[in-house]
Amino acid sequence: MRIGHYMQGIWNRGGIATYIHRISTAMLAAGNTVHYLDAWPVTGAQSEAVDLPIVVRDDDDLFVQAKALKLDILHLHGTVRVLPQMLVVTIASLIAAASSIVKGCHSK
């Protein structure tokens, strides 16, 4: 599978970034292709330690990039202001279960 992970600050130290790194390592070991997308460029020592994410301009660009990468699934590790319009299967890991993103995140 071609899997994408998106979060603002995806390679910040600790927190969700640690989880993303851990599951991505397992996904790669299982033979999947993994791409990382972020709204912020990686800087400093982080840029030497991890795969650089594709920097997206905004939420619309995020889904355009996901489609261009031919992702089978895009895992959102944070909020977005818009849902994709038939571009890519999307799942969301969010704390706020009542979010509109969670309600509509499994549509193709």
Protein backbone atom coordinates (compact mmCIF):
# COMPACT_ATOMS: atom_id res chain seq x y z
CA MET A 1 0.00 0.00 0.00
CA ARG A 2 0.95 3.62 -0.49
CA ILE A 3 0.29 5.34 2.82
CA GLY A 4 0.58 9.03 3.68
CA HIS A 5 0.84 10.60 7.11
CA TYR A 6 -0.01 14.27 7.62
CA MET A 7 0.50 16.45 10.66
CA GLN A 8 1.69 20.01 11.18
CA GLY A 9 5.13 19.59 12.73
CA ILE A 10 5.25 15.91 11.86
CA TRP A 11 8.87 15.52 13.01
CA ASN A 12 8.71 17.66 16.15
CA ARG A 13 10.23 15.77 19.05
CA GLY A 14 7.93 13.60 21.18
CA GLY A 15 4.18 13.23 21.18
CA ILE A 16 2.38 12.06 18.08
CA ALA A 17 5.57 12.28 15.99
CA THR A 18 6.99 9.40 18.04
CA TYR A 19 3.90 7.33 17.28
CA ILE A 20 4.05 8.21 13.56
CA HIS A 21 7.71 7.18 13.40
CA ARG A 22 6.97 3.89 15.17
CA ILE A 23 4.03 2.87 12.99
CA SER A 24 5.78 4.07 9.83
CA THR A 25 8.77 1.84 10.61
CA ALA A 26 6.41 -1.13 10.92
CA MET A 27 4.60 -0.17 7.72
CA LEU A 28 7.88 0.04 5.80
CA ALA A 29 9.02 -3.31 7.23
CA ALA A 30 5.76 -4.84 5.98
CA GLY A 31 6.57 -3.65 2.45
CA ASN A 32 4.39 -0.55 2.28
CA THR A 33 5.46 2.76 0.78
CA VAL A 34 5.16 5.61 3.27
CA HIS A 35 5.07 9.34 2.52
CA TYR A 36 5.06 12.19 5.03
CA LEU A 37 3.28 15.50 4.49
CA ASP A 38 3.56 18.61 6.63
CA ALA A 39 2.57 22.27 6.51
CA TRP A 40 5.97 23.25 7.93
CA PRO A 41 9.42 22.51 6.52
CA VAL A 42 11.76 20.46 8.70
CA THR A 43 14.74 22.44 9.99
CA GLY A 44 17.97 21.90 11.89
CA ALA A 45 19.01 18.50 13.21
CA GLN A 46 15.59 17.02 12.38
CA SER A 47 16.34 17.24 8.66
CA GLU A 48 19.26 14.82 9.04
CA ALA A 49 17.42 12.27 11.18
CA VAL A 50 14.21 11.59 9.24
CA ASP A 51 12.71 11.37 5.79
CA LEU A 52 11.85 14.89 4.75
CA PRO A 53 8.13 15.50 4.44
CA ILE A 54 6.46 16.99 1.40
CA VAL A 55 5.53 20.52 2.43
CA VAL A 56 1.97 21.49 1.50
CA ARG A 57 0.68 25.06 1.23
CA ASP A 58 -2.76 24.44 2.70
CA ASP A 59 -5.43 21.75 3.14
CA ASP A 60 -6.43 21.85 -0.52
CA ASP A 61 -2.82 21.32 -1.56
CA LEU A 62 -2.57 18.44 0.94
CA PHE A 63 -5.26 16.48 -0.86
CA VAL A 64 -3.91 17.38 -4.30
CA GLN A 65 -0.47 16.08 -3.24
CA ALA A 66 -2.05 12.92 -1.79
CA LYS A 67 -3.80 12.28 -5.09
CA ALA A 68 -0.61 12.96 -7.09
CA LEU A 69 1.26 10.45 -4.91
CA LYS A 70 -1.49 7.91 -5.67
CA LEU A 71 -1.91 7.20 -1.97
CA ASP A 72 -4.16 4.32 -1.03
CA ILE A 73 -4.83 6.05 2.26
CA LEU A 74 -3.98 9.36 3.92
CA HIS A 75 -3.80 9.29 7.72
CA LEU A 76 -4.54 12.69 9.26
CA HIS A 77 -2.89 13.21 12.63
CA GLY A 78 -4.51 16.59 13.19
CA THR A 79 -7.28 18.79 11.93
CA VAL A 80 -7.91 20.11 8.45
CA ARG A 81 -10.46 22.73 7.52
CA VAL A 82 -11.81 20.88 4.47
CA LEU A 83 -12.45 17.25 3.61
CA PRO A 84 -11.24 15.79 0.32
CA GLN A 85 -13.67 15.80 -2.57
CA MET A 86 -13.38 12.24 -3.86
CA LEU A 87 -9.58 12.52 -4.06
CA VAL A 88 -8.20 9.99 -1.59
CA VAL A 89 -9.40 7.69 1.17
CA THR A 90 -8.72 9.53 4.42
CA ILE A 91 -8.71 8.48 8.07
CA ALA A 92 -8.21 10.76 11.01
CA SER A 93 -6.66 10.31 14.44
CA LEU A 94 -8.17 13.10 16.47
CA ILE A 95 -8.81 13.65 20.15
CA ALA A 96 -12.01 15.60 19.50
CA ALA A 97 -14.39 12.77 18.58
CA ALA A 98 -17.19 15.22 17.79
CA SER A 99 -15.15 16.89 15.04
CA SER A 100 -16.72 17.06 11.58
CA ILE A 101 -13.47 15.61 10.23
CA VAL A 102 -14.04 12.41 12.21
CA LYS A 103 -17.64 12.15 11.00
CA GLY A 104 -16.69 12.35 7.33
CA CYS A 105 -13.19 10.96 7.23
CA HIS A 106 -13.90 7.57 5.68
CA SER A 107 -15.49 8.74 2.44
CA LYS A 108 -13.82 8.05 -0.89
